[in-house]
Amino acid sequence: MDDFKDIELKDRQVFMDFLREYPPENSELTFTNLFMWRRRYRPMWRTWGDTLLVILRPEDHDPFGLPPVGSDSGGDALAFLCTKLGQLSDTVEVCRIPADTVETTVDPKRYEVIEDRDNSDYVYLAKDLINLSGNKFHKKKNHVNKFVKNYDFEYRPLDSETVDCFLDLQEVWCELRNCDENPGLFYENVAIYQALSHFKELAFQGGAVIMDGKVEAFAIGELLNPDTAVIHVEKANPDIPGLYAAINQLFCADAWSEVTYVNREQDLGIEGLRKAKLSYHPHHLVEKFTVIPKS
């Protein structure tokens, strides 16, 4: 696999050029996401003609590919990617493929197609998350209003002065959740550290709620495509009522008022997370599928 290489910060422009020309729907396909999670998923990449190919190699899972990004026609890039995956593992899977890509590039005679509900992205109207209007958002708006009424706070966009404070909150959050004893939370902590440590180079957006001089909540995200932002991380002090609802609303209002949609990523099949994401009434899901070559 010497034709694939590990992802590095210097590769960002190559990814940005591809993703700008072929804007993705699925939250996995941003350079920030791949870079910040590189310890967990160990991504490799290469170009093939005018198509970008990415393979992820998590230690606890067989390697798998992400959807090819480029002008591939007829699924040739998908077939080439499967060939390369076959050199790494007996199990060949290309995952997180959106429904429209399945319809246009995946030949059902050559591939088995399996729905992946746990990794489907939740997409909301930005105006809904900002305005919280109507009966369906009544409880959410009450949470935000009570927080605003009961607490003195400042909302501040991420900058060089606040990035260390973001890291401090994440450290406290991890102590509360015993991150070192939970592999999922451990890798998430590493990912957040990587993102915040390189926020200038990665050029994403962030926002924080500051109370008594201390960051008590923060969120980071970026544009996924011209009309959609994606929220990669959202954290808050769980002991402060209404703070999660507040950082959600404040960050969207400050950073994403000009986009139509906000993608808040997947629920990973976690019941509590699914309930929380559904409670904000998504406009739609980006349905994803796994494809496996037929023998």
Protein backbone atom coordinates (compact mmCIF):
# COMPACT_ATOMS: atom_id res chain seq x y z
CA MET A 1 0.00 0.00 0.00
CA ASP A 2 2.95 2.31 -0.64
CA ASP A 3 0.73 4.31 -3.00
CA PHE A 4 -1.42 5.45 -0.02
CA LYS A 5 -0.02 7.82 2.63
CA ASP A 6 -0.93 8.82 6.15
CA ILE A 7 -2.83 12.07 6.45
CA GLU A 8 -0.80 15.10 7.50
CA LEU A 9 -1.57 18.75 8.07
CA LYS A 10 0.26 19.71 4.89
CA ASP A 11 -2.28 17.65 2.89
CA ARG A 12 -5.14 19.99 3.77
CA GLN A 13 -5.12 21.96 0.51
CA VAL A 14 -5.41 18.82 -1.62
CA PHE A 15 -8.48 17.74 0.34
CA MET A 16 -9.97 21.24 0.27
CA ASP A 17 -9.63 21.43 -3.52
CA PHE A 18 -11.44 18.12 -4.01
CA LEU A 19 -14.15 18.85 -1.45
CA ARG A 20 -14.75 22.33 -2.82
CA GLU A 21 -15.30 20.96 -6.32
CA TYR A 22 -17.28 17.93 -5.12
CA PRO A 23 -19.06 19.10 -1.94
CA PRO A 24 -19.99 16.20 0.36
CA GLU A 25 -23.20 15.56 2.26
CA ASN A 26 -21.77 13.21 4.87
CA SER A 27 -20.03 14.59 7.93
CA GLU A 28 -16.98 12.30 7.72
CA LEU A 29 -15.66 13.96 4.58
CA THR A 30 -13.97 17.07 5.88
CA PHE A 31 -10.24 17.44 6.34
CA THR A 32 -10.75 18.66 9.91
CA ASN A 33 -12.71 15.54 10.82
CA LEU A 34 -10.18 13.16 9.27
CA PHE A 35 -7.22 14.99 10.81
CA MET A 36 -8.58 15.34 14.33
CA TRP A 37 -9.62 11.68 14.47
CA ARG A 38 -6.47 10.33 12.85
CA ARG A 39 -5.23 8.54 15.98
CA ARG A 40 -8.53 6.66 16.24
CA TYR A 41 -9.08 5.86 12.56
CA ARG A 42 -5.55 6.07 11.12
CA PRO A 43 -6.65 7.42 7.70
CA MET A 44 -4.62 6.87 4.52
CA TRP A 45 -5.25 8.63 1.24
CA ARG A 46 -4.20 8.94 -2.36
CA THR A 47 -5.49 10.38 -5.60
CA TRP A 48 -6.50 8.12 -8.45
CA GLY A 49 -6.89 10.11 -11.62
CA ASP A 50 -9.06 13.02 -10.58
CA THR A 51 -10.60 11.17 -7.62
CA LEU A 52 -9.64 11.26 -3.94
CA LEU A 53 -9.59 7.93 -2.11
CA VAL A 54 -9.52 7.48 1.68
CA ILE A 55 -9.08 4.32 3.74
CA LEU A 56 -9.60 4.21 7.51
CA ARG A 57 -7.81 1.62 9.67
CA PRO A 58 -9.21 1.62 13.22
CA GLU A 59 -7.37 -0.80 15.52
CA ASP A 60 -10.61 -2.48 16.64
CA HIS A 61 -12.14 -2.89 13.18
CA ASP A 62 -11.16 -4.13 9.75
CA PRO A 63 -9.98 -1.39 7.37
CA PHE A 64 -12.73 0.25 5.34
CA GLY A 65 -13.01 2.85 2.64
CA LEU A 66 -14.90 6.13 2.54
CA PRO A 67 -16.86 7.20 -0.55
CA PRO A 68 -14.56 8.25 -3.40
CA VAL A 69 -14.56 12.00 -4.04
CA GLY A 70 -14.17 13.13 -7.64
CA SER A 71 -15.44 12.79 -11.18
CA ASP A 72 -15.41 8.99 -11.28
CA SER A 73 -18.04 7.63 -13.63
CA GLY A 74 -19.48 4.15 -13.58
CA GLY A 75 -18.04 3.22 -10.21
CA ASP A 76 -14.48 2.61 -11.47
CA ALA A 77 -12.98 4.41 -8.46
CA LEU A 78 -15.11 2.31 -6.12
CA ALA A 79 -13.86 -0.90 -7.76
CA PHE A 80 -10.24 0.29 -7.53
CA LEU A 81 -10.71 1.21 -3.86
CA CYS A 82 -12.13 -2.25 -3.14
CA THR A 83 -9.12 -3.83 -4.82
CA LYS A 84 -6.79 -1.84 -2.56
CA LEU A 85 -8.83 -2.75 0.52
CA GLY A 86 -8.49 -6.41 -0.44
CA GLN A 87 -4.72 -6.05 -0.08
CA LEU A 88 -5.21 -5.06 3.58
CA SER A 89 -7.94 -7.40 4.75
CA ASP A 90 -10.14 -10.31 3.78
CA THR A 91 -13.10 -8.08 4.64
CA VAL A 92 -13.74 -5.44 1.97
CA GLU A 93 -16.21 -2.67 2.82
CA VAL A 94 -16.74 0.90 1.66
CA CYS A 95 -18.77 2.69 4.30
CA ARG A 96 -20.67 5.92 5.01
CA ILE A 97 -21.90 6.17 1.41
CA PRO A 98 -24.90 8.55 1.06
CA ALA A 99 -28.04 7.28 -0.63
CA ASP A 100 -27.68 9.42 -3.75
CA THR A 101 -24.14 8.13 -4.31
CA VAL A 102 -25.38 4.56 -3.94
CA GLU A 103 -28.01 5.24 -6.58
CA THR A 104 -25.61 6.80 -9.09
CA THR A 105 -22.39 4.79 -8.71
CA VAL A 106 -23.10 1.44 -7.07
CA ASP A 107 -24.05 -1.45 -9.35
CA PRO A 108 -26.36 -3.75 -7.33
CA LYS A 109 -25.21 -6.66 -9.48
CA ARG A 110 -21.64 -6.20 -8.24
CA TYR A 111 -22.18 -5.00 -4.66
CA GLU A 112 -24.29 -5.84 -1.65
CA VAL A 113 -25.75 -2.66 -0.15
CA ILE A 114 -26.45 -2.51 3.61
CA GLU A 115 -28.17 0.39 5.38
CA ASP A 116 -26.15 1.95 8.22
CA ARG A 117 -28.73 3.80 10.34
CA ASP A 118 -26.36 4.34 13.27
CA ASN A 119 -24.09 6.51 11.13
CA SER A 120 -26.80 8.50 9.34
CA ASP A 121 -26.33 12.23 9.87
CA TYR A 122 -28.98 14.44 11.45
CA VAL A 123 -29.54 17.61 9.42
CA TYR A 124 -31.52 20.57 10.75
CA LEU A 125 -32.73 23.87 9.37
CA ALA A 126 -30.33 26.47 10.72
CA LYS A 127 -33.22 28.87 11.36
CA ASP A 128 -34.90 26.25 13.57
CA LEU A 129 -31.82 25.85 15.75
CA ILE A 130 -31.39 29.62 15.97
CA ASN A 131 -34.97 30.79 16.47
CA LEU A 132 -36.45 27.76 18.29
CA SER A 133 -39.86 28.90 17.09
CA GLY A 134 -43.16 27.07 17.44
CA ASN A 135 -44.60 24.50 19.79
CA LYS A 136 -42.17 21.74 18.85
CA PHE A 137 -39.27 23.82 20.17
CA HIS A 138 -41.11 25.19 23.21
CA LYS A 139 -39.13 23.15 25.76
CA LYS A 140 -35.80 23.93 24.11
CA LYS A 141 -36.53 27.64 24.07
CA ASN A 142 -37.57 27.50 27.74
CA HIS A 143 -34.23 25.88 28.60
CA VAL A 144 -32.34 28.65 26.80
CA ASN A 145 -34.47 31.42 28.28
CA LYS A 146 -34.02 30.09 31.83
CA PHE A 147 -30.27 29.88 31.34
CA VAL A 148 -30.11 33.45 30.00
CA LYS A 149 -32.27 34.72 32.86
CA ASN A 150 -30.51 32.89 35.69
CA TYR A 151 -26.83 33.18 34.76
CA ASP A 152 -24.34 35.89 33.91
CA PHE A 153 -22.34 34.76 30.89
CA GLU A 154 -20.49 35.90 27.81
CA TYR A 155 -20.53 34.21 24.42
CA ARG A 156 -17.21 34.50 22.61
CA PRO A 157 -16.02 33.13 19.24
CA LEU A 158 -12.96 30.89 19.31
CA ASP A 159 -9.68 32.79 19.04
CA SER A 160 -6.09 32.43 20.19
CA GLU A 161 -7.01 33.78 23.63
CA THR A 162 -9.76 31.24 24.31
CA VAL A 163 -8.36 28.05 22.78
CA ASP A 164 -6.47 27.11 25.96
CA CYS A 165 -9.66 27.66 27.94
CA PHE A 166 -11.50 25.29 25.60
CA LEU A 167 -8.86 22.69 26.38
CA ASP A 168 -9.26 23.30 30.10
CA LEU A 169 -13.00 22.62 29.90
CA GLN A 170 -12.40 19.45 27.91
CA GLU A 171 -9.95 18.28 30.58
CA VAL A 172 -12.52 18.88 33.32
CA TRP A 173 -15.24 17.20 31.24
CA CYS A 174 -13.01 14.14 30.78
CA GLU A 175 -12.28 13.93 34.48
CA LEU A 176 -16.02 13.90 35.17
CA ARG A 177 -16.58 11.17 32.55
CA ASN A 178 -13.45 9.11 33.35
CA CYS A 179 -12.28 9.34 29.75
CA ASP A 180 -9.16 7.26 30.36
CA GLU A 181 -11.34 4.27 31.26
CA ASN A 182 -13.60 4.57 28.21
CA PRO A 183 -11.90 4.03 24.82
CA GLY A 184 -14.54 6.03 22.95
CA LEU A 185 -14.21 9.06 25.23
CA PHE A 186 -10.43 8.70 25.30
CA TYR A 187 -10.18 8.95 21.51
CA GLU A 188 -12.70 11.78 21.46
CA ASN A 189 -10.54 13.67 23.95
CA VAL A 190 -7.50 13.14 21.73
CA ALA A 191 -9.47 14.31 18.69
CA ILE A 192 -10.61 17.51 20.41
CA TYR A 193 -7.06 18.22 21.56
CA GLN A 194 -5.77 17.76 18.01
CA ALA A 195 -8.43 20.05 16.56
CA LEU A 196 -7.95 22.82 19.11
CA SER A 197 -4.16 22.60 19.00
CA HIS A 198 -4.29 23.24 15.23
CA PHE A 199 -7.33 25.50 14.98
CA LYS A 200 -5.51 28.21 13.03
CA GLU A 201 -4.28 25.79 10.37
CA LEU A 202 -7.60 23.93 10.17
CA ALA A 203 -9.57 27.19 9.96
CA PHE A 204 -12.80 25.96 11.54
CA GLN A 205 -15.25 28.03 13.58
CA GLY A 206 -15.75 27.80 17.31
CA GLY A 207 -17.68 29.44 20.11
CA ALA A 208 -17.68 29.38 23.89
CA VAL A 209 -19.88 30.33 26.81
CA ILE A 210 -17.74 31.98 29.48
CA MET A 211 -18.93 32.29 33.08
CA ASP A 212 -16.88 33.88 35.88
CA GLY A 213 -13.89 33.99 33.55
CA LYS A 214 -14.07 30.27 32.79
CA VAL A 215 -15.15 28.45 29.63
CA GLU A 216 -18.15 26.32 30.62
CA ALA A 217 -19.28 25.26 27.13
CA PHE A 218 -17.82 25.21 23.65
CA ALA A 219 -18.61 24.03 20.13
CA ILE A 220 -16.61 23.75 16.93
CA GLY A 221 -17.71 23.27 13.34
CA GLU A 222 -17.11 24.23 9.72
CA LEU A 223 -18.77 24.44 6.34
CA LEU A 224 -19.47 21.01 4.91
CA ASN A 225 -20.81 22.31 1.60
CA PRO A 226 -22.07 25.72 0.42
CA ASP A 227 -25.43 25.49 2.19
CA THR A 228 -24.59 23.21 5.15
CA ALA A 229 -22.43 23.59 8.26
CA VAL A 230 -21.32 20.59 10.29
CA ILE A 231 -20.88 20.62 14.07
CA HIS A 232 -17.95 18.40 15.04
CA VAL A 233 -17.89 18.96 18.80
CA GLU A 234 -20.26 20.39 21.40
CA LYS A 235 -19.41 20.20 25.10
CA ALA A 236 -20.85 21.85 28.20
CA ASN A 237 -20.65 21.64 31.96
CA PRO A 238 -23.44 19.16 32.76
CA ASP A 239 -24.04 20.75 36.18
CA ILE A 240 -25.33 24.00 34.65
CA PRO A 241 -29.02 23.64 33.61
CA GLY A 242 -29.78 24.75 30.07
CA LEU A 243 -26.15 25.19 29.07
CA TYR A 244 -26.17 22.55 26.34
CA ALA A 245 -29.26 24.11 24.76
CA ALA A 246 -27.67 27.55 25.06
CA ILE A 247 -24.35 26.71 23.38
CA ASN A 248 -26.26 24.99 20.57
CA GLN A 249 -28.40 28.07 19.92
CA LEU A 250 -25.66 30.67 20.47
CA PHE A 251 -23.08 28.98 18.25
CA CYS A 252 -25.54 28.50 15.40
CA ALA A 253 -26.73 32.11 15.67
CA ASP A 254 -23.20 33.48 15.68
CA ALA A 255 -21.51 31.26 13.10
CA TRP A 256 -24.18 29.68 10.88
CA SER A 257 -26.99 32.19 10.35
CA GLU A 258 -26.09 32.42 6.64
CA VAL A 259 -26.42 28.70 5.83
CA THR A 260 -29.60 26.74 5.23
CA TYR A 261 -28.75 23.55 7.11
CA VAL A 262 -26.72 22.38 10.09
CA ASN A 263 -25.45 18.79 10.13
CA ARG A 264 -25.03 17.54 13.71
CA GLU A 265 -23.49 14.21 12.73
CA GLN A 266 -24.66 10.73 13.75
CA ASP A 267 -25.90 9.04 16.92
CA LEU A 268 -23.71 5.89 16.60
CA GLY A 269 -26.68 3.81 17.76
CA ILE A 270 -26.47 5.25 21.27
CA GLU A 271 -30.05 5.42 22.58
CA GLY A 272 -29.64 8.59 24.65
CA LEU A 273 -27.83 10.40 21.85
CA ARG A 274 -30.47 9.39 19.33
CA LYS A 275 -33.21 10.70 21.61
CA ALA A 276 -31.36 14.00 22.06
CA LYS A 277 -30.81 14.48 18.32
CA LEU A 278 -34.42 13.62 17.49
CA SER A 279 -35.63 16.10 20.11
CA TYR A 280 -34.39 18.93 17.88
CA HIS A 281 -36.63 17.74 15.03
CA PRO A 282 -34.23 17.15 12.13
CA HIS A 283 -35.26 18.36 8.70
CA HIS A 284 -33.85 15.15 7.20
CA LEU A 285 -31.26 12.44 7.67
CA VAL A 286 -28.30 11.84 5.39
CA GLU A 287 -28.90 8.12 5.04
CA LYS A 288 -25.70 6.13 4.71
CA PHE A 289 -24.89 2.67 3.44
CA THR A 290 -22.09 0.14 3.42
CA VAL A 291 -21.26 -1.61 0.15
CA ILE A 292 -19.53 -4.98 -0.08
CA PRO A 293 -18.35 -6.57 -3.34
CA LYS A 294 -20.22 -9.72 -4.24
CA SER A 295 -18.06 -12.80 -4.72
